[in-house]
Amino acid sequence: MIYTTPITTTTRLSPLTLGKYRIAASPRPLPGGLFAAQVSIASGHGSASTARVMRFDSAFPTHDAAADYAIAQGIDWVQDTTRQSARPN
């Protein structure tokens, strides 16, 4: 089921740059006052840019807790991807 709820947070989330990747958390409110974590990981510029969005099943009690979790997962994904691309074939 898809819920649409206006986001009414006062916290401005700044993207984090890690190497060639830009990691941005964008927690979304859930019914009942909890928050879901999601993160966008982008690289490149203009028409050569790519992005992926990961959404997580866990619910968090605060906007900041969901954002922290999303950023941590994004950093882990970038580090894993960087390690894999550094390995010789």
PDB file of N, CA and C in Angstrom:
ATOM      1  N   MET A   1       0.841  -1.160   0.000  1.00  0.00           N
ATOM      2  CA  MET A   1       0.000   0.000   0.000  1.00  0.00           C
ATOM      3  C   MET A   1       0.895   1.233   0.000  1.00  0.00           C
ATOM      4  N   ILE A   2       0.534   2.216  -0.780  1.00  0.00           N
ATOM      5  CA  ILE A   2       1.313   3.445  -0.877  1.00  0.00           C
ATOM      6  C   ILE A   2       0.608   4.532  -0.076  1.00  0.00           C
ATOM      7  N   TYR A   3       1.365   5.166   0.801  1.00  0.00           N
ATOM      8  CA  TYR A   3       0.850   6.273   1.593  1.00  0.00           C
ATOM      9  C   TYR A   3       1.518   7.544   1.115  1.00  0.00           C
ATOM     10  N   THR A   4       0.777   8.598   1.005  1.00  0.00           N
ATOM     11  CA  THR A   4       1.368   9.894   0.702  1.00  0.00           C
ATOM     12  C   THR A   4       1.077  10.827   1.861  1.00  0.00           C
ATOM     13  N   THR A   5       2.138  11.292   2.464  1.00  0.00           N
ATOM     14  CA  THR A   5       2.033  12.181   3.604  1.00  0.00           C
ATOM     15  C   THR A   5       2.982  13.340   3.373  1.00  0.00           C
ATOM     16  N   PRO A   6       2.536  14.564   3.544  1.00  0.00           N
ATOM     17  CA  PRO A   6       3.457  15.684   3.363  1.00  0.00           C
ATOM     18  C   PRO A   6       4.579  15.632   4.397  1.00  0.00           C
ATOM     19  N   ILE A   7       5.761  15.948   3.959  1.00  0.00           N
ATOM     20  CA  ILE A   7       6.911  15.957   4.860  1.00  0.00           C
ATOM     21  C   ILE A   7       6.966  17.316   5.531  1.00  0.00           C
ATOM     22  N   THR A   8       6.947  17.304   6.853  1.00  0.00           N
ATOM     23  CA  THR A   8       6.950  18.557   7.605  1.00  0.00           C
ATOM     24  C   THR A   8       8.086  18.561   8.611  1.00  0.00           C
ATOM     25  N   THR A   9       9.286  18.330   8.121  1.00  0.00           N
ATOM     26  CA  THR A   9      10.434  18.321   9.025  1.00  0.00           C
ATOM     27  C   THR A   9      11.140  19.664   8.950  1.00  0.00           C
ATOM     28  N   THR A  10      11.825  19.988  10.000  1.00  0.00           N
ATOM     29  CA  THR A  10      12.597  21.215  10.004  1.00  0.00           C
ATOM     30  C   THR A  10      14.074  20.929   9.785  1.00  0.00           C
ATOM     31  N   THR A  11      14.436  19.660   9.714  1.00  0.00           N
ATOM     32  CA  THR A  11      15.826  19.270   9.518  1.00  0.00           C
ATOM     33  C   THR A  11      16.147  19.258   8.031  1.00  0.00           C
ATOM     34  N   ARG A  12      17.199  19.933   7.633  1.00  0.00           N
ATOM     35  CA  ARG A  12      17.644  19.922   6.242  1.00  0.00           C
ATOM     36  C   ARG A  12      18.772  18.918   6.164  1.00  0.00           C
ATOM     37  N   LEU A  13      18.608  17.925   5.311  1.00  0.00           N
ATOM     38  CA  LEU A  13      19.628  16.899   5.168  1.00  0.00           C
ATOM     39  C   LEU A  13      20.587  17.288   4.045  1.00  0.00           C
ATOM     40  N   SER A  14      21.864  17.308   4.357  1.00  0.00           N
ATOM     41  CA  SER A  14      22.870  17.624   3.353  1.00  0.00           C
ATOM     42  C   SER A  14      23.426  16.335   2.777  1.00  0.00           C
ATOM     43  N   PRO A  15      23.573  16.275   1.460  1.00  0.00           N
ATOM     44  CA  PRO A  15      24.184  15.085   0.866  1.00  0.00           C
ATOM     45  C   PRO A  15      25.638  14.955   1.311  1.00  0.00           C
ATOM     46  N   LEU A  16      26.086  13.732   1.364  1.00  0.00           N
ATOM     47  CA  LEU A  16      27.457  13.410   1.730  1.00  0.00           C
ATOM     48  C   LEU A  16      28.166  12.957   0.469  1.00  0.00           C
ATOM     49  N   THR A  17      29.360  13.465   0.207  1.00  0.00           N
ATOM     50  CA  THR A  17      30.130  13.035  -0.954  1.00  0.00           C
ATOM     51  C   THR A  17      31.228  12.091  -0.489  1.00  0.00           C
ATOM     52  N   LEU A  18      31.264  10.928  -1.131  1.00  0.00           N
ATOM     53  CA  LEU A  18      32.264   9.910  -0.810  1.00  0.00           C
ATOM     54  C   LEU A  18      32.854   9.442  -2.133  1.00  0.00           C
ATOM     55  N   GLY A  19      34.059   9.933  -2.448  1.00  0.00           N
ATOM     56  CA  GLY A  19      34.651   9.635  -3.749  1.00  0.00           C
ATOM     57  C   GLY A  19      33.803  10.244  -4.839  1.00  0.00           C
ATOM     58  N   LYS A  20      33.405   9.426  -5.821  1.00  0.00           N
ATOM     59  CA  LYS A  20      32.587   9.917  -6.925  1.00  0.00           C
ATOM     60  C   LYS A  20      31.091   9.823  -6.637  1.00  0.00           C
ATOM     61  N   TYR A  21      30.716   9.390  -5.441  1.00  0.00           N
ATOM     62  CA  TYR A  21      29.321   9.160  -5.099  1.00  0.00           C
ATOM     63  C   TYR A  21      28.764  10.256  -4.200  1.00  0.00           C
ATOM     64  N   ARG A  22      27.506  10.607  -4.447  1.00  0.00           N
ATOM     65  CA  ARG A  22      26.779  11.527  -3.578  1.00  0.00           C
ATOM     66  C   ARG A  22      25.688  10.724  -2.882  1.00  0.00           C
ATOM     67  N   ILE A  23      25.714  10.713  -1.562  1.00  0.00           N
ATOM     68  CA  ILE A  23      24.783   9.921  -0.756  1.00  0.00           C
ATOM     69  C   ILE A  23      23.839  10.892  -0.054  1.00  0.00           C
ATOM     70  N   ALA A  24      22.540  10.680  -0.258  1.00  0.00           N
ATOM     71  CA  ALA A  24      21.547  11.569   0.354  1.00  0.00           C
ATOM     72  C   ALA A  24      20.440  10.744   0.993  1.00  0.00           C
ATOM     73  N   ALA A  25      20.216  10.971   2.273  1.00  0.00           N
ATOM     74  CA  ALA A  25      19.119  10.310   2.984  1.00  0.00           C
ATOM     75  C   ALA A  25      17.848  11.104   2.765  1.00  0.00           C
ATOM     76  N   SER A  26      16.746  10.394   2.645  1.00  0.00           N
ATOM     77  CA  SER A  26      15.442  11.073   2.531  1.00  0.00           C
ATOM     78  C   SER A  26      14.388  10.241   3.260  1.00  0.00           C
ATOM     79  N   PRO A  27      14.411  10.316   4.589  1.00  0.00           N
ATOM     80  CA  PRO A  27      13.426   9.577   5.368  1.00  0.00           C
ATOM     81  C   PRO A  27      12.007  10.018   5.011  1.00  0.00           C
ATOM     82  N   ARG A  28      11.081   9.089   5.102  1.00  0.00           N
ATOM     83  CA  ARG A  28       9.692   9.433   4.803  1.00  0.00           C
ATOM     84  C   ARG A  28       8.815   9.031   5.978  1.00  0.00           C
ATOM     85  N   PRO A  29       7.829   9.846   6.256  1.00  0.00           N
ATOM     86  CA  PRO A  29       6.932   9.549   7.383  1.00  0.00           C
ATOM     87  C   PRO A  29       6.021   8.364   7.071  1.00  0.00           C
ATOM     88  N   LEU A  30       5.732   7.595   8.097  1.00  0.00           N
ATOM     89  CA  LEU A  30       4.810   6.470   8.007  1.00  0.00           C
ATOM     90  C   LEU A  30       3.589   6.769   8.871  1.00  0.00           C
ATOM     91  N   PRO A  31       2.512   6.084   8.623  1.00  0.00           N
ATOM     92  CA  PRO A  31       1.355   6.251   9.510  1.00  0.00           C
ATOM     93  C   PRO A  31       1.737   5.874  10.943  1.00  0.00           C
ATOM     94  N   GLY A  32       1.222   6.565  11.896  1.00  0.00           N
ATOM     95  CA  GLY A  32       1.514   6.253  13.284  1.00  0.00           C
ATOM     96  C   GLY A  32       2.690   7.021  13.855  1.00  0.00           C
ATOM     97  N   GLY A  33       3.289   7.919  13.064  1.00  0.00           N
ATOM     98  CA  GLY A  33       4.362   8.744  13.584  1.00  0.00           C
ATOM     99  C   GLY A  33       5.760   8.183  13.438  1.00  0.00           C
ATOM    100  N   LEU A  34       5.921   7.011  12.846  1.00  0.00           N
ATOM    101  CA  LEU A  34       7.258   6.442  12.617  1.00  0.00           C
ATOM    102  C   LEU A  34       7.797   6.919  11.277  1.00  0.00           C
ATOM    103  N   PHE A  35       9.075   6.607  11.017  1.00  0.00           N
ATOM    104  CA  PHE A  35       9.732   7.018   9.777  1.00  0.00           C
ATOM    105  C   PHE A  35      10.401   5.829   9.115  1.00  0.00           C
ATOM    106  N   ALA A  36      10.370   5.819   7.791  1.00  0.00           N
ATOM    107  CA  ALA A  36      11.070   4.802   6.998  1.00  0.00           C
ATOM    108  C   ALA A  36      12.341   5.425   6.452  1.00  0.00           C
ATOM    109  N   ALA A  37      13.377   4.619   6.360  1.00  0.00           N
ATOM    110  CA  ALA A  37      14.650   5.098   5.840  1.00  0.00           C
ATOM    111  C   ALA A  37      14.738   4.810   4.347  1.00  0.00           C
ATOM    112  N   GLN A  38      15.275   5.768   3.609  1.00  0.00           N
ATOM    113  CA  GLN A  38      15.632   5.528   2.216  1.00  0.00           C
ATOM    114  C   GLN A  38      16.829   6.404   1.890  1.00  0.00           C
ATOM    115  N   VAL A  39      17.638   5.925   0.949  1.00  0.00           N
ATOM    116  CA  VAL A  39      18.857   6.635   0.592  1.00  0.00           C
ATOM    117  C   VAL A  39      19.007   6.640  -0.924  1.00  0.00           C
ATOM    118  N   SER A  40      19.510   7.745  -1.448  1.00  0.00           N
ATOM    119  CA  SER A  40      19.823   7.873  -2.860  1.00  0.00           C
ATOM    120  C   SER A  40      21.341   7.933  -2.992  1.00  0.00           C
ATOM    121  N   ILE A  41      21.862   7.133  -3.925  1.00  0.00           N
ATOM    122  CA  ILE A  41      23.304   7.123  -4.188  1.00  0.00           C
ATOM    123  C   ILE A  41      23.478   7.472  -5.658  1.00  0.00           C
ATOM    124  N   ALA A  42      24.095   8.609  -5.930  1.00  0.00           N
ATOM    125  CA  ALA A  42      24.245   9.094  -7.297  1.00  0.00           C
ATOM    126  C   ALA A  42      25.717   9.250  -7.656  1.00  0.00           C
ATOM    127  N   SER A  43      25.994   9.112  -8.951  1.00  0.00           N
ATOM    128  CA  SER A  43      27.342   9.380  -9.453  1.00  0.00           C
ATOM    129  C   SER A  43      27.220   9.940 -10.859  1.00  0.00           C
ATOM    130  N   GLY A  44      28.261  10.612 -11.306  1.00  0.00           N
ATOM    131  CA  GLY A  44      28.259  11.191 -12.637  1.00  0.00           C
ATOM    132  C   GLY A  44      27.599  12.550 -12.672  1.00  0.00           C
ATOM    133  N   HIS A  45      27.598  13.136 -13.867  1.00  0.00           N
ATOM    134  CA  HIS A  45      27.024  14.469 -14.057  1.00  0.00           C
ATOM    135  C   HIS A  45      26.254  14.494 -15.364  1.00  0.00           C
ATOM    136  N   GLY A  46      25.229  15.309 -15.402  1.00  0.00           N
ATOM    137  CA  GLY A  46      24.464  15.508 -16.626  1.00  0.00           C
ATOM    138  C   GLY A  46      23.858  14.225 -17.165  1.00  0.00           C
ATOM    139  N   SER A  47      23.978  14.030 -18.479  1.00  0.00           N
ATOM    140  CA  SER A  47      23.371  12.850 -19.102  1.00  0.00           C
ATOM    141  C   SER A  47      24.112  11.565 -18.757  1.00  0.00           C
ATOM    142  N   ALA A  48      25.289  11.677 -18.164  1.00  0.00           N
ATOM    143  CA  ALA A  48      26.059  10.492 -17.769  1.00  0.00           C
ATOM    144  C   ALA A  48      25.845  10.135 -16.299  1.00  0.00           C
ATOM    145  N   SER A  49      24.862  10.742 -15.665  1.00  0.00           N
ATOM    146  CA  SER A  49      24.647  10.469 -14.243  1.00  0.00           C
ATOM    147  C   SER A  49      23.774   9.233 -14.048  1.00  0.00           C
ATOM    148  N   THR A  50      24.019   8.554 -12.966  1.00  0.00           N
ATOM    149  CA  THR A  50      23.201   7.403 -12.574  1.00  0.00           C
ATOM    150  C   THR A  50      22.864   7.551 -11.095  1.00  0.00           C
ATOM    151  N   ALA A  51      21.751   6.965 -10.709  1.00  0.00           N
ATOM    152  CA  ALA A  51      21.368   7.008  -9.301  1.00  0.00           C
ATOM    153  C   ALA A  51      20.606   5.743  -8.950  1.00  0.00           C
ATOM    154  N   ARG A  52      20.728   5.351  -7.715  1.00  0.00           N
ATOM    155  CA  ARG A  52      19.936   4.236  -7.199  1.00  0.00           C
ATOM    156  C   ARG A  52      19.328   4.696  -5.897  1.00  0.00           C
ATOM    157  N   VAL A  53      18.128   4.212  -5.632  1.00  0.00           N
ATOM    158  CA  VAL A  53      17.446   4.526  -4.385  1.00  0.00           C
ATOM    159  C   VAL A  53      17.180   3.214  -3.672  1.00  0.00           C
ATOM    160  N   MET A  54      17.578   3.159  -2.419  1.00  0.00           N
ATOM    161  CA  MET A  54      17.314   1.974  -1.605  1.00  0.00           C
ATOM    162  C   MET A  54      16.330   2.356  -0.514  1.00  0.00           C
ATOM    163  N   ARG A  55      15.293   1.540  -0.371  1.00  0.00           N
ATOM    164  CA  ARG A  55      14.288   1.728   0.676  1.00  0.00           C
ATOM    165  C   ARG A  55      14.384   0.551   1.633  1.00  0.00           C
ATOM    166  N   PHE A  56      14.233   0.826   2.909  1.00  0.00           N
ATOM    167  CA  PHE A  56      14.412  -0.202   3.927  1.00  0.00           C
ATOM    168  C   PHE A  56      13.104  -0.465   4.657  1.00  0.00           C
ATOM    169  N   ASP A  57      12.921  -1.697   5.101  1.00  0.00           N
ATOM    170  CA  ASP A  57      11.674  -2.118   5.742  1.00  0.00           C
ATOM    171  C   ASP A  57      11.531  -1.649   7.187  1.00  0.00           C
ATOM    172  N   SER A  58      12.608  -1.404   7.859  1.00  0.00           N
ATOM    173  CA  SER A  58      12.546  -1.046   9.271  1.00  0.00           C
ATOM    174  C   SER A  58      11.867   0.306   9.475  1.00  0.00           C
ATOM    175  N   ALA A  59      11.182   0.441  10.595  1.00  0.00           N
ATOM    176  CA  ALA A  59      10.565   1.711  10.983  1.00  0.00           C
ATOM    177  C   ALA A  59      11.362   2.303  12.141  1.00  0.00           C
ATOM    178  N   PHE A  60      11.545   3.615  12.113  1.00  0.00           N
ATOM    179  CA  PHE A  60      12.358   4.297  13.114  1.00  0.00           C
ATOM    180  C   PHE A  60      11.509   5.314  13.863  1.00  0.00           C
ATOM    181  N   PRO A  61      11.830   5.552  15.132  1.00  0.00           N
ATOM    182  CA  PRO A  61      11.008   6.454  15.943  1.00  0.00           C
ATOM    183  C   PRO A  61      11.158   7.929  15.574  1.00  0.00           C
ATOM    184  N   THR A  62      12.299   8.295  14.973  1.00  0.00           N
ATOM    185  CA  THR A  62      12.520   9.703  14.633  1.00  0.00           C
ATOM    186  C   THR A  62      13.039   9.842  13.202  1.00  0.00           C
ATOM    187  N   HIS A  63      12.853  11.030  12.679  1.00  0.00           N
ATOM    188  CA  HIS A  63      13.363  11.376  11.350  1.00  0.00           C
ATOM    189  C   HIS A  63      14.883  11.210  11.318  1.00  0.00           C
ATOM    190  N   ASP A  64      15.556  11.716  12.361  1.00  0.00           N
ATOM    191  CA  ASP A  64      17.017  11.648  12.407  1.00  0.00           C
ATOM    192  C   ASP A  64      17.531  10.213  12.484  1.00  0.00           C
ATOM    193  N   ALA A  65      16.848   9.352  13.227  1.00  0.00           N
ATOM    194  CA  ALA A  65      17.270   7.946  13.324  1.00  0.00           C
ATOM    195  C   ALA A  65      17.173   7.266  11.965  1.00  0.00           C
ATOM    196  N   ALA A  66      16.107   7.544  11.228  1.00  0.00           N
ATOM    197  CA  ALA A  66      15.955   6.970   9.884  1.00  0.00           C
ATOM    198  C   ALA A  66      17.026   7.514   8.944  1.00  0.00           C
ATOM    199  N   ALA A  67      17.332   8.802   9.050  1.00  0.00           N
ATOM    200  CA  ALA A  67      18.363   9.408   8.205  1.00  0.00           C
ATOM    201  C   ALA A  67      19.737   8.824   8.515  1.00  0.00           C
ATOM    202  N   ASP A  68      20.058   8.664   9.786  1.00  0.00           N
ATOM    203  CA  ASP A  68      21.348   8.090  10.178  1.00  0.00           C
ATOM    204  C   ASP A  68      21.511   6.673   9.628  1.00  0.00           C
ATOM    205  N   TYR A  69      20.452   5.868   9.741  1.00  0.00           N
ATOM    206  CA  TYR A  69      20.503   4.501   9.233  1.00  0.00           C
ATOM    207  C   TYR A  69      20.701   4.505   7.717  1.00  0.00           C
ATOM    208  N   ALA A  70      19.964   5.358   7.011  1.00  0.00           N
ATOM    209  CA  ALA A  70      20.065   5.425   5.552  1.00  0.00           C
ATOM    210  C   ALA A  70      21.467   5.823   5.113  1.00  0.00           C
ATOM    211  N   ILE A  71      22.037   6.832   5.754  1.00  0.00           N
ATOM    212  CA  ILE A  71      23.392   7.270   5.407  1.00  0.00           C
ATOM    213  C   ILE A  71      24.396   6.147   5.662  1.00  0.00           C
ATOM    214  N   ALA A  72      24.284   5.466   6.792  1.00  0.00           N
ATOM    215  CA  ALA A  72      25.196   4.360   7.108  1.00  0.00           C
ATOM    216  C   ALA A  72      25.105   3.257   6.049  1.00  0.00           C
ATOM    217  N   GLN A  73      23.891   2.930   5.610  1.00  0.00           N
ATOM    218  CA  GLN A  73      23.716   1.906   4.579  1.00  0.00           C
ATOM    219  C   GLN A  73      24.299   2.378   3.244  1.00  0.00           C
ATOM    220  N   GLY A  74      24.131   3.654   2.934  1.00  0.00           N
ATOM    221  CA  GLY A  74      24.705   4.195   1.708  1.00  0.00           C
ATOM    222  C   GLY A  74      26.223   4.150   1.717  1.00  0.00           C
ATOM    223  N   ILE A  75      26.817   4.502   2.852  1.00  0.00           N
ATOM    224  CA  ILE A  75      28.279   4.441   2.981  1.00  0.00           C
ATOM    225  C   ILE A  75      28.762   3.008   2.828  1.00  0.00           C
ATOM    226  N   ASP A  76      28.079   2.055   3.457  1.00  0.00           N
ATOM    227  CA  ASP A  76      28.451   0.642   3.320  1.00  0.00           C
ATOM    228  C   ASP A  76      28.388   0.197   1.863  1.00  0.00           C
ATOM    229  N   TRP A  77      27.322   0.595   1.144  1.00  0.00           N
ATOM    230  CA  TRP A  77      27.176   0.209  -0.254  1.00  0.00           C
ATOM    231  C   TRP A  77      28.331   0.767  -1.088  1.00  0.00           C
ATOM    232  N   VAL A  78      28.678   2.041  -0.885  1.00  0.00           N
ATOM    233  CA  VAL A  78      29.774   2.662  -1.642  1.00  0.00           C
ATOM    234  C   VAL A  78      31.091   1.955  -1.329  1.00  0.00           C
ATOM    235  N   GLN A  79      31.355   1.684  -0.064  1.00  0.00           N
ATOM    236  CA  GLN A  79      32.608   1.017   0.302  1.00  0.00           C
ATOM    237  C   GLN A  79      32.686  -0.381  -0.298  1.00  0.00           C
ATOM    238  N   ASP A  80      31.594  -1.136  -0.269  1.00  0.00           N
ATOM    239  CA  ASP A  80      31.575  -2.474  -0.871  1.00  0.00           C
ATOM    240  C   ASP A  80      31.806  -2.391  -2.378  1.00  0.00           C
ATOM    241  N   THR A  81      31.154  -1.452  -3.035  1.00  0.00           N
ATOM    242  CA  THR A  81      31.306  -1.281  -4.482  1.00  0.00           C
ATOM    243  C   THR A  81      32.731  -0.884  -4.836  1.00  0.00           C
ATOM    244  N   THR A  82      33.309   0.003  -4.056  1.00  0.00           N
ATOM    245  CA  THR A  82      34.679   0.454  -4.293  1.00  0.00           C
ATOM    246  C   THR A  82      35.666  -0.692  -4.109  1.00  0.00           C
ATOM    247  N   ARG A  83      35.462  -1.504  -3.068  1.00  0.00           N
ATOM    248  CA  ARG A  83      36.335  -2.656  -2.835  1.00  0.00           C
ATOM    249  C   ARG A  83      36.240  -3.654  -3.991  1.00  0.00           C
ATOM    250  N   GLN A  84      35.035  -3.922  -4.465  1.00  0.00           N
ATOM    251  CA  GLN A  84      34.852  -4.877  -5.544  1.00  0.00           C
ATOM    252  C   GLN A  84      35.491  -4.404  -6.841  1.00  0.00           C
ATOM    253  N   SER A  85      35.412  -3.111  -7.127  1.00  0.00           N
ATOM    254  CA  SER A  85      35.993  -2.609  -8.367  1.00  0.00           C
ATOM    255  C   SER A  85      37.514  -2.537  -8.285  1.00  0.00           C
ATOM    256  N   ALA A  86      38.074  -2.538  -7.076  1.00  0.00           N
ATOM    257  CA  ALA A  86      39.531  -2.491  -6.918  1.00  0.00           C
ATOM    258  C   ALA A  86      40.176  -3.872  -7.040  1.00  0.00           C
ATOM    259  N   ARG A  87      39.375  -4.928  -6.951  1.00  0.00           N
ATOM    260  CA  ARG A  87      39.918  -6.282  -7.046  1.00  0.00           C
ATOM    261  C   ARG A  87      40.327  -6.603  -8.488  1.00  0.00           C
ATOM    262  N   PRO A  88      41.491  -7.240  -8.660  1.00  0.00           N
ATOM    263  CA  PRO A  88      41.874  -7.661 -10.001  1.00  0.00           C
ATOM    264  C   PRO A  88      41.018  -8.844 -10.456  1.00  0.00           C
ATOM    265  N   ASN A  89      40.754  -8.928 -11.749  1.00  0.00           N
ATOM    266  CA  ASN A  89      39.937 -10.040 -12.286  1.00  0.00           C
ATOM    267  C   ASN A  89      40.731 -11.276 -12.489  1.00  0.00           C
TER     268      ASN A  89
END
